[in-house]
Amino acid sequence: MQGERTTAGGMQGSGLGIAIAKEIVLQHGGRIWAESALGQGSRFSFSLPVFDPNKP
């Protein structure tokens, strides 16, 4: 678990949101990644496979 921290918006959090999102995305067969630039913040993205109703 990560320590408490303050975000750019001044809110506090424990950093659990990304860990939870990662588990959900992975359980659905997707992938999740982050890109960041110093002084510009971070972008978190994910992809999920397309649902195929003909697949078991």
PDB file of N, CA and C in Angstrom:
ATOM      1  N   MET A   1       0.850  -1.172   0.000  1.00  0.00           N
ATOM      2  CA  MET A   1       0.000   0.000   0.000  1.00  0.00           C
ATOM      3  C   MET A   1       0.895   1.234   0.000  1.00  0.00           C
ATOM      4  N   GLN A   2       0.465   2.264  -0.695  1.00  0.00           N
ATOM      5  CA  GLN A   2       1.232   3.486  -0.771  1.00  0.00           C
ATOM      6  C   GLN A   2       0.828   4.433   0.348  1.00  0.00           C
ATOM      7  N   GLY A   3       1.752   5.314   0.699  1.00  0.00           N
ATOM      8  CA  GLY A   3       1.470   6.300   1.734  1.00  0.00           C
ATOM      9  C   GLY A   3       0.535   7.377   1.237  1.00  0.00           C
ATOM     10  N   GLU A   4      -0.037   8.114   2.178  1.00  0.00           N
ATOM     11  CA  GLU A   4      -0.946   9.190   1.818  1.00  0.00           C
ATOM     12  C   GLU A   4      -0.173  10.318   1.146  1.00  0.00           C
ATOM     13  N   ARG A   5      -0.771  10.939   0.156  1.00  0.00           N
ATOM     14  CA  ARG A   5      -0.102  12.018  -0.569  1.00  0.00           C
ATOM     15  C   ARG A   5      -1.122  13.034  -1.046  1.00  0.00           C
ATOM     16  N   THR A   6      -0.631  14.189  -1.443  1.00  0.00           N
ATOM     17  CA  THR A   6      -1.491  15.257  -1.935  1.00  0.00           C
ATOM     18  C   THR A   6      -1.354  15.340  -3.440  1.00  0.00           C
ATOM     19  N   THR A   7      -2.472  15.431  -4.148  1.00  0.00           N
ATOM     20  CA  THR A   7      -2.467  15.519  -5.606  1.00  0.00           C
ATOM     21  C   THR A   7      -2.357  16.977  -6.035  1.00  0.00           C
ATOM     22  N   ALA A   8      -2.220  17.189  -7.323  1.00  0.00           N
ATOM     23  CA  ALA A   8      -2.116  18.545  -7.866  1.00  0.00           C
ATOM     24  C   ALA A   8      -3.354  19.370  -7.523  1.00  0.00           C
ATOM     25  N   GLY A   9      -4.498  18.733  -7.409  1.00  0.00           N
ATOM     26  CA  GLY A   9      -5.729  19.435  -7.064  1.00  0.00           C
ATOM     27  C   GLY A   9      -5.881  19.684  -5.577  1.00  0.00           C
ATOM     28  N   GLY A  10      -4.893  19.280  -4.780  1.00  0.00           N
ATOM     29  CA  GLY A  10      -4.927  19.500  -3.348  1.00  0.00           C
ATOM     30  C   GLY A  10      -5.649  18.424  -2.566  1.00  0.00           C
ATOM     31  N   MET A  11      -6.135  17.383  -3.250  1.00  0.00           N
ATOM     32  CA  MET A  11      -6.842  16.304  -2.557  1.00  0.00           C
ATOM     33  C   MET A  11      -5.840  15.283  -2.055  1.00  0.00           C
ATOM     34  N   GLN A  12      -6.206  14.599  -0.983  1.00  0.00           N
ATOM     35  CA  GLN A  12      -5.340  13.557  -0.458  1.00  0.00           C
ATOM     36  C   GLN A  12      -5.872  12.189  -0.836  1.00  0.00           C
ATOM     37  N   GLY A  13      -4.959  11.256  -1.042  1.00  0.00           N
ATOM     38  CA  GLY A  13      -5.351   9.896  -1.375  1.00  0.00           C
ATOM     39  C   GLY A  13      -4.261   8.924  -0.976  1.00  0.00           C
ATOM     40  N   SER A  14      -4.559   7.659  -1.072  1.00  0.00           N
ATOM     41  CA  SER A  14      -3.590   6.635  -0.693  1.00  0.00           C
ATOM     42  C   SER A  14      -2.982   5.939  -1.897  1.00  0.00           C
ATOM     43  N   GLY A  15      -3.407   6.286  -3.115  1.00  0.00           N
ATOM     44  CA  GLY A  15      -2.853   5.662  -4.307  1.00  0.00           C
ATOM     45  C   GLY A  15      -3.455   4.303  -4.626  1.00  0.00           C
ATOM     46  N   LEU A  16      -4.532   3.926  -3.982  1.00  0.00           N
ATOM     47  CA  LEU A  16      -5.144   2.615  -4.213  1.00  0.00           C
ATOM     48  C   LEU A  16      -5.963   2.550  -5.490  1.00  0.00           C
ATOM     49  N   GLY A  17      -6.400   3.685  -6.001  1.00  0.00           N
ATOM     50  CA  GLY A  17      -7.261   3.705  -7.191  1.00  0.00           C
ATOM     51  C   GLY A  17      -6.621   3.030  -8.384  1.00  0.00           C
ATOM     52  N   ILE A  18      -5.350   3.289  -8.630  1.00  0.00           N
ATOM     53  CA  ILE A  18      -4.658   2.692  -9.770  1.00  0.00           C
ATOM     54  C   ILE A  18      -4.514   1.186  -9.562  1.00  0.00           C
ATOM     55  N   ALA A  19      -4.207   0.765  -8.351  1.00  0.00           N
ATOM     56  CA  ALA A  19      -4.077  -0.673  -8.065  1.00  0.00           C
ATOM     57  C   ALA A  19      -5.406  -1.388  -8.285  1.00  0.00           C
ATOM     58  N   ILE A  20      -6.498  -0.771  -7.863  1.00  0.00           N
ATOM     59  CA  ILE A  20      -7.822  -1.368  -8.062  1.00  0.00           C
ATOM     60  C   ILE A  20      -8.162  -1.403  -9.548  1.00  0.00           C
ATOM     61  N   ALA A  21      -7.914  -0.296 -10.250  1.00  0.00           N
ATOM     62  CA  ALA A  21      -8.181  -0.242 -11.689  1.00  0.00           C
ATOM     63  C   ALA A  21      -7.376  -1.301 -12.419  1.00  0.00           C
ATOM     64  N   LYS A  22      -6.114  -1.477 -12.032  1.00  0.00           N
ATOM     65  CA  LYS A  22      -5.257  -2.479 -12.673  1.00  0.00           C
ATOM     66  C   LYS A  22      -5.861  -3.869 -12.537  1.00  0.00           C
ATOM     67  N   GLU A  23      -6.298  -4.221 -11.350  1.00  0.00           N
ATOM     68  CA  GLU A  23      -6.891  -5.550 -11.133  1.00  0.00           C
ATOM     69  C   GLU A  23      -8.142  -5.747 -11.977  1.00  0.00           C
ATOM     70  N   ILE A  24      -8.997  -4.744 -12.026  1.00  0.00           N
ATOM     71  CA  ILE A  24     -10.233  -4.854 -12.816  1.00  0.00           C
ATOM     72  C   ILE A  24      -9.907  -5.042 -14.296  1.00  0.00           C
ATOM     73  N   VAL A  25      -8.995  -4.222 -14.823  1.00  0.00           N
ATOM     74  CA  VAL A  25      -8.629  -4.303 -16.240  1.00  0.00           C
ATOM     75  C   VAL A  25      -7.995  -5.658 -16.549  1.00  0.00           C
ATOM     76  N   LEU A  26      -7.075  -6.112 -15.712  1.00  0.00           N
ATOM     77  CA  LEU A  26      -6.415  -7.404 -15.959  1.00  0.00           C
ATOM     78  C   LEU A  26      -7.401  -8.564 -15.887  1.00  0.00           C
ATOM     79  N   GLN A  27      -8.354  -8.506 -14.962  1.00  0.00           N
ATOM     80  CA  GLN A  27      -9.360  -9.567 -14.838  1.00  0.00           C
ATOM     81  C   GLN A  27     -10.256  -9.649 -16.071  1.00  0.00           C
ATOM     82  N   HIS A  28     -10.330  -8.566 -16.819  1.00  0.00           N
ATOM     83  CA  HIS A  28     -11.138  -8.548 -18.041  1.00  0.00           C
ATOM     84  C   HIS A  28     -10.290  -8.746 -19.295  1.00  0.00           C
ATOM     85  N   GLY A  29      -9.041  -9.163 -19.114  1.00  0.00           N
ATOM     86  CA  GLY A  29      -8.187  -9.475 -20.249  1.00  0.00           C
ATOM     87  C   GLY A  29      -7.576  -8.267 -20.939  1.00  0.00           C
ATOM     88  N   GLY A  30      -7.567  -7.132 -20.267  1.00  0.00           N
ATOM     89  CA  GLY A  30      -7.020  -5.915 -20.861  1.00  0.00           C
ATOM     90  C   GLY A  30      -5.622  -5.607 -20.375  1.00  0.00           C
ATOM     91  N   ARG A  31      -5.191  -4.394 -20.695  1.00  0.00           N
ATOM     92  CA  ARG A  31      -3.901  -3.932 -20.204  1.00  0.00           C
ATOM     93  C   ARG A  31      -4.041  -2.474 -19.785  1.00  0.00           C
ATOM     94  N   ILE A  32      -3.161  -2.041 -18.888  1.00  0.00           N
ATOM     95  CA  ILE A  32      -3.192  -0.686 -18.362  1.00  0.00           C
ATOM     96  C   ILE A  32      -1.761  -0.167 -18.306  1.00  0.00           C
ATOM     97  N   TRP A  33      -1.574   1.120 -18.608  1.00  0.00           N
ATOM     98  CA  TRP A  33      -0.224   1.689 -18.597  1.00  0.00           C
ATOM     99  C   TRP A  33      -0.298   3.166 -18.240  1.00  0.00           C
ATOM    100  N   ALA A  34       0.872   3.706 -17.915  1.00  0.00           N
ATOM    101  CA  ALA A  34       0.970   5.114 -17.545  1.00  0.00           C
ATOM    102  C   ALA A  34       2.077   5.774 -18.351  1.00  0.00           C
ATOM    103  N   GLU A  35       1.862   7.032 -18.663  1.00  0.00           N
ATOM    104  CA  GLU A  35       2.876   7.862 -19.314  1.00  0.00           C
ATOM    105  C   GLU A  35       2.978   9.134 -18.487  1.00  0.00           C
ATOM    106  N   SER A  36       4.192   9.605 -18.249  1.00  0.00           N
ATOM    107  CA  SER A  36       4.318  10.848 -17.493  1.00  0.00           C
ATOM    108  C   SER A  36       5.451  11.696 -18.047  1.00  0.00           C
ATOM    109  N   ALA A  37       5.299  12.987 -17.851  1.00  0.00           N
ATOM    110  CA  ALA A  37       6.319  13.947 -18.253  1.00  0.00           C
ATOM    111  C   ALA A  37       6.581  14.853 -17.050  1.00  0.00           C
ATOM    112  N   LEU A  38       7.826  15.017 -16.718  1.00  0.00           N
ATOM    113  CA  LEU A  38       8.212  15.818 -15.570  1.00  0.00           C
ATOM    114  C   LEU A  38       7.576  17.204 -15.636  1.00  0.00           C
ATOM    115  N   GLY A  39       6.888  17.579 -14.595  1.00  0.00           N
ATOM    116  CA  GLY A  39       6.249  18.880 -14.520  1.00  0.00           C
ATOM    117  C   GLY A  39       4.939  19.003 -15.275  1.00  0.00           C
ATOM    118  N   GLN A  40       4.529  17.945 -15.986  1.00  0.00           N
ATOM    119  CA  GLN A  40       3.296  18.007 -16.766  1.00  0.00           C
ATOM    120  C   GLN A  40       2.230  17.022 -16.289  1.00  0.00           C
ATOM    121  N   GLY A  41       2.569  16.163 -15.372  1.00  0.00           N
ATOM    122  CA  GLY A  41       1.604  15.208 -14.849  1.00  0.00           C
ATOM    123  C   GLY A  41       1.693  13.856 -15.533  1.00  0.00           C
ATOM    124  N   SER A  42       0.712  13.028 -15.252  1.00  0.00           N
ATOM    125  CA  SER A  42       0.689  11.658 -15.767  1.00  0.00           C
ATOM    126  C   SER A  42      -0.619  11.381 -16.478  1.00  0.00           C
ATOM    127  N   ARG A  43      -0.551  10.469 -17.450  1.00  0.00           N
ATOM    128  CA  ARG A  43      -1.740  10.021 -18.167  1.00  0.00           C
ATOM    129  C   ARG A  43      -1.824   8.510 -17.990  1.00  0.00           C
ATOM    130  N   PHE A  44      -2.963   8.025 -17.520  1.00  0.00           N
ATOM    131  CA  PHE A  44      -3.192   6.600 -17.340  1.00  0.00           C
ATOM    132  C   PHE A  44      -4.182   6.150 -18.399  1.00  0.00           C
ATOM    133  N   SER A  45      -3.845   5.066 -19.097  1.00  0.00           N
ATOM    134  CA  SER A  45      -4.689   4.550 -20.171  1.00  0.00           C
ATOM    135  C   SER A  45      -4.904   3.062 -19.988  1.00  0.00           C
ATOM    136  N   PHE A  46      -5.958   2.554 -20.594  1.00  0.00           N
ATOM    137  CA  PHE A  46      -6.194   1.119 -20.572  1.00  0.00           C
ATOM    138  C   PHE A  46      -6.894   0.708 -21.852  1.00  0.00           C
ATOM    139  N   SER A  47      -6.792  -0.574 -22.168  1.00  0.00           N
ATOM    140  CA  SER A  47      -7.521  -1.137 -23.298  1.00  0.00           C
ATOM    141  C   SER A  47      -8.151  -2.444 -22.847  1.00  0.00           C
ATOM    142  N   LEU A  48      -9.303  -2.728 -23.413  1.00  0.00           N
ATOM    143  CA  LEU A  48     -10.031  -3.964 -23.126  1.00  0.00           C
ATOM    144  C   LEU A  48     -10.333  -4.652 -24.447  1.00  0.00           C
ATOM    145  N   PRO A  49     -10.363  -5.985 -24.440  1.00  0.00           N
ATOM    146  CA  PRO A  49     -10.691  -6.685 -25.680  1.00  0.00           C
ATOM    147  C   PRO A  49     -12.157  -6.457 -26.057  1.00  0.00           C
ATOM    148  N   VAL A  50     -12.431  -6.527 -27.338  1.00  0.00           N
ATOM    149  CA  VAL A  50     -13.785  -6.374 -27.843  1.00  0.00           C
ATOM    150  C   VAL A  50     -14.584  -7.634 -27.489  1.00  0.00           C
ATOM    151  N   PHE A  51     -15.800  -7.445 -27.036  1.00  0.00           N
ATOM    152  CA  PHE A  51     -16.671  -8.556 -26.679  1.00  0.00           C
ATOM    153  C   PHE A  51     -17.125  -9.288 -27.933  1.00  0.00           C
ATOM    154  N   ASP A  52     -16.976 -10.598 -27.935  1.00  0.00           N
ATOM    155  CA  ASP A  52     -17.432 -11.430 -29.061  1.00  0.00           C
ATOM    156  C   ASP A  52     -18.473 -12.399 -28.509  1.00  0.00           C
ATOM    157  N   PRO A  53     -19.765 -12.179 -28.786  1.00  0.00           N
ATOM    158  CA  PRO A  53     -20.813 -13.039 -28.238  1.00  0.00           C
ATOM    159  C   PRO A  53     -20.729 -14.480 -28.753  1.00  0.00           C
ATOM    160  N   ASN A  54     -19.972 -14.729 -29.826  1.00  0.00           N
ATOM    161  CA  ASN A  54     -19.843 -16.086 -30.370  1.00  0.00           C
ATOM    162  C   ASN A  54     -18.709 -16.871 -29.728  1.00  0.00           C
ATOM    163  N   LYS A  55     -17.926 -16.225 -28.885  1.00  0.00           N
ATOM    164  CA  LYS A  55     -16.820 -16.902 -28.188  1.00  0.00           C
ATOM    165  C   LYS A  55     -17.313 -17.445 -26.856  1.00  0.00           C
ATOM    166  N   PRO A  56     -16.897 -18.647 -26.515  1.00  0.00           N
ATOM    167  CA  PRO A  56     -17.335 -19.212 -25.220  1.00  0.00           C
ATOM    168  C   PRO A  56     -16.699 -18.505 -24.047  1.00  0.00           C
TER     169      PRO A  56
END
